[in-house]
C-alpha atoms as a PDB file:
ATOM      1  CA  MET A   1     -30.513   8.983  -7.370  1.00  0.00           C
ATOM      2  CA  ILE A   2     -27.679   6.843  -5.198  1.00  0.00           C
ATOM      3  CA  ASP A   3     -27.589   7.656  -1.165  1.00  0.00           C
ATOM      4  CA  LEU A   4     -24.397   6.460   0.139  1.00  0.00           C
ATOM      5  CA  TYR A   5     -23.776   5.985   3.747  1.00  0.00           C
ATOM      6  CA  THR A   6     -20.568   6.621   4.705  1.00  0.00           C
ATOM      7  CA  TRP A   7     -17.760   8.230   6.487  1.00  0.00           C
ATOM      8  CA  ALA A   8     -13.701   9.264   6.451  1.00  0.00           C
ATOM      9  CA  THR A   9     -12.388   5.545   5.906  1.00  0.00           C
ATOM     10  CA  PRO A  10     -10.775   3.285   3.404  1.00  0.00           C
ATOM     11  CA  ASN A  11     -13.213   1.257   2.991  1.00  0.00           C
ATOM     12  CA  GLY A  12     -15.735   4.413   2.915  1.00  0.00           C
ATOM     13  CA  HIS A  13     -13.372   5.904   0.145  1.00  0.00           C
ATOM     14  CA  LYS A  14     -13.778   3.014  -2.320  1.00  0.00           C
ATOM     15  CA  ALA A  15     -17.588   3.545  -2.857  1.00  0.00           C
ATOM     16  CA  SER A  16     -17.502   7.328  -3.153  1.00  0.00           C
ATOM     17  CA  ILE A  17     -14.486   7.266  -5.413  1.00  0.00           C
ATOM     18  CA  MET A  18     -16.251   4.667  -7.653  1.00  0.00           C
ATOM     19  CA  LEU A  19     -19.231   6.693  -7.987  1.00  0.00           C
ATOM     20  CA  GLU A  20     -17.084   9.606  -8.968  1.00  0.00           C
ATOM     21  CA  GLU A  21     -15.282   7.691 -12.139  1.00  0.00           C
ATOM     22  CA  LEU A  22     -18.886   6.862 -12.475  1.00  0.00           C
ATOM     23  CA  ALA A  23     -19.762   9.539 -13.294  1.00  0.00           C
ATOM     24  CA  LEU A  24     -23.510   8.945 -11.178  1.00  0.00           C
ATOM     25  CA  ASP A  25     -25.832  10.718  -9.066  1.00  0.00           C
ATOM     26  CA  TYR A  26     -25.933  10.860  -5.238  1.00  0.00           C
ATOM     27  CA  ARG A  27     -25.953  11.907  -2.122  1.00  0.00           C
ATOM     28  CA  VAL A  28     -23.904  12.055   1.056  1.00  0.00           C
ATOM     29  CA  HIS A  29     -25.271  10.883   4.164  1.00  0.00           C
ATOM     30  CA  PRO A  30     -22.420  10.386   7.004  1.00  0.00           C
ATOM     31  CA  ILE A  31     -22.463   7.906   9.511  1.00  0.00           C
ATOM     32  CA  ASP A  32     -19.947   8.821  12.166  1.00  0.00           C
ATOM     33  CA  ILE A  33     -18.625   5.928  13.711  1.00  0.00           C
ATOM     34  CA  GLY A  34     -17.101   7.426  16.252  1.00  0.00           C
ATOM     35  CA  ASN A  35     -20.375   8.149  17.552  1.00  0.00           C
ATOM     36  CA  ASP A  36     -21.824   4.860  16.904  1.00  0.00           C
ATOM     37  CA  GLU A  37     -24.185   5.999  14.471  1.00  0.00           C
ATOM     38  CA  GLN A  38     -23.338   2.852  12.848  1.00  0.00           C
ATOM     39  CA  PHE A  39     -25.500   1.442  14.837  1.00  0.00           C
ATOM     40  CA  ALA A  40     -28.456   3.493  15.061  1.00  0.00           C
ATOM     41  CA  PRO A  41     -31.918   1.154  13.877  1.00  0.00           C
ATOM     42  CA  ASP A  42     -32.491   2.754  10.674  1.00  0.00           C
ATOM     43  CA  TYR A  43     -28.898   1.774   9.185  1.00  0.00           C
ATOM     44  CA  VAL A  44     -28.782  -1.274  10.572  1.00  0.00           C
ATOM     45  CA  ALA A  45     -32.051  -1.560   8.436  1.00  0.00           C
ATOM     46  CA  ILE A  46     -30.586  -0.925   5.090  1.00  0.00           C
ATOM     47  CA  ASN A  47     -26.635  -2.842   6.747  1.00  0.00           C
ATOM     48  CA  PRO A  48     -27.267  -6.259   8.909  1.00  0.00           C
ATOM     49  CA  ASN A  49     -24.029  -5.805   9.872  1.00  0.00           C
ATOM     50  CA  ALA A  50     -23.832  -2.210  10.794  1.00  0.00           C
ATOM     51  CA  LYS A  51     -20.515  -0.956   8.771  1.00  0.00           C
ATOM     52  CA  ILE A  52     -19.932   1.622   6.693  1.00  0.00           C
ATOM     53  CA  PRO A  53     -19.993   1.985   3.389  1.00  0.00           C
ATOM     54  CA  THR A  54     -24.098   1.734   2.264  1.00  0.00           C
ATOM     55  CA  ILE A  55     -25.190   2.117  -0.793  1.00  0.00           C
ATOM     56  CA  VAL A  56     -29.153   2.358  -1.771  1.00  0.00           C
ATOM     57  CA  ASP A  57     -29.926   2.859  -5.285  1.00  0.00           C
ATOM     58  CA  GLU A  58     -33.270   4.139  -5.932  1.00  0.00           C
ATOM     59  CA  ASP A  59     -33.567   2.625 -10.012  1.00  0.00           C
ATOM     60  CA  GLY A  60     -32.240  -0.551  -8.295  1.00  0.00           C
ATOM     61  CA  PRO A  61     -32.787  -4.697 -10.211  1.00  0.00           C
ATOM     62  CA  GLY A  62     -37.125  -4.378 -10.567  1.00  0.00           C
ATOM     63  CA  GLY A  63     -36.860  -0.533 -10.806  1.00  0.00           C
ATOM     64  CA  GLY A  64     -37.145  -0.113  -7.135  1.00  0.00           C
ATOM     65  CA  PRO A  65     -35.147   0.638  -4.112  1.00  0.00           C
ATOM     66  CA  PHE A  66     -31.938  -1.658  -3.767  1.00  0.00           C
ATOM     67  CA  ALA A  67     -29.618  -1.665  -0.643  1.00  0.00           C
ATOM     68  CA  VAL A  68     -26.472  -3.083  -1.223  1.00  0.00           C
ATOM     69  CA  PHE A  69     -23.807  -3.274   1.753  1.00  0.00           C
ATOM     70  CA  GLU A  70     -20.496  -4.565   2.420  1.00  0.00           C
ATOM     71  CA  SER A  71     -17.406  -2.851   0.050  1.00  0.00           C
ATOM     72  CA  GLY A  72     -16.617  -4.947  -2.569  1.00  0.00           C
ATOM     73  CA  ALA A  73     -20.031  -5.809  -3.342  1.00  0.00           C
ATOM     74  CA  ILE A  74     -20.514  -2.117  -3.781  1.00  0.00           C
ATOM     75  CA  LEU A  75     -18.181  -2.314  -6.794  1.00  0.00           C
ATOM     76  CA  ILE A  76     -19.253  -4.791  -8.158  1.00  0.00           C
ATOM     77  CA  TYR A  77     -22.438  -3.686  -8.099  1.00  0.00           C
ATOM     78  CA  LEU A  78     -22.015  -0.227  -9.484  1.00  0.00           C
ATOM     79  CA  ALA A  79     -18.961  -1.755 -11.807  1.00  0.00           C
ATOM     80  CA  ASP A  80     -22.557  -4.096 -13.142  1.00  0.00           C
ATOM     81  CA  LYS A  81     -24.771  -1.005 -13.415  1.00  0.00           C
ATOM     82  CA  ALA A  82     -23.072   1.210 -15.613  1.00  0.00           C
ATOM     83  CA  GLY A  83     -20.970  -0.895 -17.396  1.00  0.00           C
ATOM     84  CA  ARG A  84     -17.325   0.312 -16.893  1.00  0.00           C
ATOM     85  CA  LEU A  85     -14.268  -0.674 -14.871  1.00  0.00           C
ATOM     86  CA  LEU A  86     -15.136  -4.520 -14.893  1.00  0.00           C
ATOM     87  CA  SER A  87     -14.687  -6.178 -17.745  1.00  0.00           C
ATOM     88  CA  PRO A  88     -17.546  -8.559 -19.206  1.00  0.00           C
ATOM     89  CA  GLU A  89     -15.496 -11.043 -20.382  1.00  0.00           C
ATOM     90  CA  PRO A  90     -15.101 -13.622 -18.327  1.00  0.00           C
ATOM     91  CA  ARG A  91     -11.482 -14.698 -17.492  1.00  0.00           C
ATOM     92  CA  ARG A  92     -10.365 -10.665 -16.977  1.00  0.00           C
ATOM     93  CA  ARG A  93     -13.947 -10.080 -15.065  1.00  0.00           C
ATOM     94  CA  SER A  94     -11.924 -13.049 -12.716  1.00  0.00           C
ATOM     95  CA  GLN A  95      -8.675 -12.068 -12.625  1.00  0.00           C
ATOM     96  CA  ALA A  96     -10.052  -8.250 -11.538  1.00  0.00           C
ATOM     97  CA  ILE A  97     -12.380  -9.698  -9.271  1.00  0.00           C
ATOM     98  CA  GLN A  98      -9.711 -12.094  -7.689  1.00  0.00           C
ATOM     99  CA  TRP A  99      -7.419  -8.647  -6.737  1.00  0.00           C
ATOM    100  CA  LEU A 100     -10.563  -7.506  -5.535  1.00  0.00           C
ATOM    101  CA  MET A 101     -10.923 -10.356  -2.866  1.00  0.00           C
ATOM    102  CA  PHE A 102      -7.324  -9.855  -1.918  1.00  0.00           C
ATOM    103  CA  GLN A 103      -7.865  -6.508  -1.013  1.00  0.00           C
ATOM    104  CA  VAL A 104     -11.373  -7.391   0.905  1.00  0.00           C
ATOM    105  CA  GLY A 105      -9.778 -10.508   2.447  1.00  0.00           C
ATOM    106  CA  GLY A 106      -5.862  -8.974   2.933  1.00  0.00           C
ATOM    107  CA  VAL A 107      -5.483  -6.198   2.625  1.00  0.00           C
ATOM    108  CA  GLY A 108      -8.011  -4.644   4.114  1.00  0.00           C
ATOM    109  CA  PRO A 109      -8.237  -6.451   6.588  1.00  0.00           C
ATOM    110  CA  MET A 110      -4.501  -6.866   8.103  1.00  0.00           C
ATOM    111  CA  LEU A 111      -3.182  -3.053   7.067  1.00  0.00           C
ATOM    112  CA  GLY A 112      -6.161  -2.990   9.540  1.00  0.00           C
ATOM    113  CA  GLN A 113      -4.695  -4.438  12.091  1.00  0.00           C
ATOM    114  CA  ALA A 114      -1.464  -3.025  11.535  1.00  0.00           C
ATOM    115  CA  GLN A 115      -1.995   0.531  11.754  1.00  0.00           C
ATOM    116  CA  HIS A 116      -4.598  -0.355  14.604  1.00  0.00           C
ATOM    117  CA  PHE A 117      -2.331  -1.837  17.163  1.00  0.00           C
ATOM    118  CA  ARG A 118       0.659   0.211  15.950  1.00  0.00           C
ATOM    119  CA  ARG A 119      -1.376   3.455  16.523  1.00  0.00           C
ATOM    120  CA  PHE A 120      -4.368   3.380  17.734  1.00  0.00           C
ATOM    121  CA  ALA A 121      -4.157   0.902  20.653  1.00  0.00           C
ATOM    122  CA  PRO A 122      -4.039   2.132  24.324  1.00  0.00           C
ATOM    123  CA  HIS A 123      -0.756  -0.288  25.279  1.00  0.00           C
ATOM    124  CA  PRO A 124       1.667  -1.861  23.142  1.00  0.00           C
ATOM    125  CA  VAL A 125       1.127  -5.344  21.900  1.00  0.00           C
ATOM    126  CA  PRO A 126       4.550  -6.403  20.716  1.00  0.00           C
ATOM    127  CA  TYR A 127       3.027  -9.856  19.660  1.00  0.00           C
ATOM    128  CA  ALA A 128       0.334  -7.930  17.808  1.00  0.00           C
ATOM    129  CA  ILE A 129       2.482  -5.805  15.945  1.00  0.00           C
ATOM    130  CA  GLU A 130       4.856  -7.919  14.709  1.00  0.00           C
ATOM    131  CA  ARG A 131       1.986 -10.121  13.326  1.00  0.00           C
ATOM    132  CA  TYR A 132       0.264  -7.655  11.967  1.00  0.00           C
ATOM    133  CA  SER A 133       3.210  -5.466  10.750  1.00  0.00           C
ATOM    134  CA  SER A 134       4.959  -8.224   8.849  1.00  0.00           C
ATOM    135  CA  GLU A 135       1.536  -9.294   7.247  1.00  0.00           C
ATOM    136  CA  ALA A 136       1.679  -6.086   5.940  1.00  0.00           C
ATOM    137  CA  ALA A 137       5.048  -6.191   4.640  1.00  0.00           C
ATOM    138  CA  ARG A 138       3.896  -9.813   2.955  1.00  0.00           C
ATOM    139  CA  LEU A 139       1.067  -8.079   1.311  1.00  0.00           C
ATOM    140  CA  TYR A 140       2.662  -5.238  -0.337  1.00  0.00           C
ATOM    141  CA  GLY A 141       5.251  -7.349  -1.392  1.00  0.00           C
ATOM    142  CA  VAL A 142       2.802  -9.211  -3.330  1.00  0.00           C
ATOM    143  CA  LEU A 143       1.224  -5.889  -4.861  1.00  0.00           C
ATOM    144  CA  ASP A 144       4.613  -5.062  -5.819  1.00  0.00           C
ATOM    145  CA  ARG A 145       5.646  -7.988  -7.469  1.00  0.00           C
ATOM    146  CA  ARG A 146       2.545  -7.838  -9.370  1.00  0.00           C
ATOM    147  CA  LEU A 147       2.208  -4.533 -10.291  1.00  0.00           C
ATOM    148  CA  GLY A 148       5.849  -4.893 -11.507  1.00  0.00           C
ATOM    149  CA  GLU A 149       4.265  -7.858 -14.221  1.00  0.00           C
ATOM    150  CA  ALA A 150       1.604  -5.240 -14.961  1.00  0.00           C
ATOM    151  CA  ASP A 151       0.656  -0.762 -14.980  1.00  0.00           C
ATOM    152  CA  PHE A 152      -2.865  -1.966 -12.906  1.00  0.00           C
ATOM    153  CA  LEU A 153      -4.138  -4.995 -10.699  1.00  0.00           C
ATOM    154  CA  ALA A 154      -5.850  -5.857 -13.301  1.00  0.00           C
ATOM    155  CA  ASP A 155      -4.275  -7.019 -17.619  1.00  0.00           C
ATOM    156  CA  ASP A 156      -7.546  -5.186 -18.479  1.00  0.00           C
ATOM    157  CA  GLY A 157      -6.088  -1.910 -17.150  1.00  0.00           C
ATOM    158  CA  TYR A 158      -7.541   0.373 -14.295  1.00  0.00           C
ATOM    159  CA  SER A 159     -10.173  -1.137 -12.450  1.00  0.00           C
ATOM    160  CA  ILE A 160     -12.628  -1.843  -9.090  1.00  0.00           C
ATOM    161  CA  ALA A 161      -9.518  -3.888  -7.664  1.00  0.00           C
ATOM    162  CA  ASP A 162      -7.296  -0.551  -7.906  1.00  0.00           C
ATOM    163  CA  ILE A 163     -10.486   1.614  -6.684  1.00  0.00           C
ATOM    164  CA  ALA A 164     -10.518  -0.573  -3.789  1.00  0.00           C
ATOM    165  CA  THR A 165      -6.684  -1.307  -3.113  1.00  0.00           C
ATOM    166  CA  TYR A 166      -5.772   2.585  -3.164  1.00  0.00           C
ATOM    167  CA  PRO A 167      -7.336   4.286   0.109  1.00  0.00           C
ATOM    168  CA  TRP A 168      -5.345   0.986   2.269  1.00  0.00           C
ATOM    169  CA  VAL A 169      -2.027   2.549   0.242  1.00  0.00           C
ATOM    170  CA  VAL A 170      -2.771   5.912   1.573  1.00  0.00           C
ATOM    171  CA  ARG A 171      -2.064   4.707   4.978  1.00  0.00           C
ATOM    172  CA  HIS A 172       1.546   3.375   4.239  1.00  0.00           C
ATOM    173  CA  GLU A 173       3.175   5.035   7.311  1.00  0.00           C
ATOM    174  CA  TRP A 174       0.538   4.363   9.536  1.00  0.00           C
ATOM    175  CA  GLN A 175       1.243   0.550   9.219  1.00  0.00           C
ATOM    176  CA  GLY A 176       5.188   0.742   8.864  1.00  0.00           C
ATOM    177  CA  ILE A 177       5.866   0.712   5.402  1.00  0.00           C
ATOM    178  CA  SER A 178       7.777   2.680   3.176  1.00  0.00           C
ATOM    179  CA  LEU A 179       6.934   2.513  -0.629  1.00  0.00           C
ATOM    180  CA  ALA A 180      10.615   3.677  -1.759  1.00  0.00           C
ATOM    181  CA  ASP A 181      11.328  -0.185  -0.521  1.00  0.00           C
ATOM    182  CA  LEU A 182       8.479  -0.885  -3.161  1.00  0.00           C
ATOM    183  CA  PRO A 183       9.261   0.954  -6.552  1.00  0.00           C
ATOM    184  CA  ASN A 184       6.571  -0.599  -8.494  1.00  0.00           C
ATOM    185  CA  VAL A 185       3.600   0.259  -5.802  1.00  0.00           C
ATOM    186  CA  ARG A 186       5.016   3.548  -5.607  1.00  0.00           C
ATOM    187  CA  ARG A 187       4.539   4.023  -9.748  1.00  0.00           C
ATOM    188  CA  TRP A 188       0.653   2.968  -9.064  1.00  0.00           C
ATOM    189  CA  PHE A 189      -0.067   4.970  -5.741  1.00  0.00           C
ATOM    190  CA  GLU A 190       1.186   8.017  -7.972  1.00  0.00           C
ATOM    191  CA  THR A 191      -0.518   7.332 -11.101  1.00  0.00           C
ATOM    192  CA  VAL A 192      -3.886   6.532  -9.259  1.00  0.00           C
ATOM    193  CA  GLY A 193      -3.691   9.398  -7.054  1.00  0.00           C
ATOM    194  CA  GLN A 194      -3.490  11.982  -9.400  1.00  0.00           C
ATOM    195  CA  ARG A 195      -6.715  10.494 -10.893  1.00  0.00           C
ATOM    196  CA  PRO A 196      -9.628  13.150 -10.322  1.00  0.00           C
ATOM    197  CA  ALA A 197     -11.725  11.338  -9.310  1.00  0.00           C
ATOM    198  CA  VAL A 198     -10.102   9.923  -7.238  1.00  0.00           C
ATOM    199  CA  GLN A 199      -8.721  12.686  -5.259  1.00  0.00           C
ATOM    200  CA  ARG A 200     -12.791  13.936  -5.240  1.00  0.00           C
ATOM    201  CA  GLY A 201     -13.962  10.668  -3.814  1.00  0.00           C
ATOM    202  CA  MET A 202     -11.111  10.399  -1.129  1.00  0.00           C
ATOM    203  CA  GLN A 203     -12.813  14.083  -0.100  1.00  0.00           C
ATOM    204  CA  VAL A 204     -16.133  11.889   0.651  1.00  0.00           C
ATOM    205  CA  PRO A 205     -17.355  12.956   2.998  1.00  0.00           C
ATOM    206  CA  ARG A 206     -16.653  16.538   4.373  1.00  0.00           C
ATOM    207  CA  LEU A 207     -15.850  16.799   7.441  1.00  0.00           C
END
């Protein structure tokens, strides 16, 4: 059994989609980040960065409980545990991890800043809106070019790279992006969004 500590955010949905795709048994523990529950001492004990998501695998390496924090690390851990969604072949594995890192280091932080300054900042900050909106558009362009070459982000097919990226693209309108201008991203987005496990994972936790 895996315990999932999460909230309804793009990073949180990465972990829940992955668990649904792998059909692993898991329990959900909502961590209401709006009420700062991520800073509770019991939670910080398993995630020193005080962010969501975190998993605790009761049957971790060596047979005991094992905590994993950081969403990208969670996806790699679960893929290795189940032997799915991340190729063992070195070149294909590396390619999927490269696109995962593209999401973790670029798509998530930059799109998150774009939607924050466009939608949630208490006062308009034109410089920040322009900076992060422009970078969001550039990153979507990278995705569109890549998805014009392959059905999914990695040549090996649907993988942890797609799982990591999809929940952020769900909020494209918040980021000032129209998928009508990105036909390859739109095709990919619709394909991934039709997966039953993705649809179930996007509903976790039920609020």
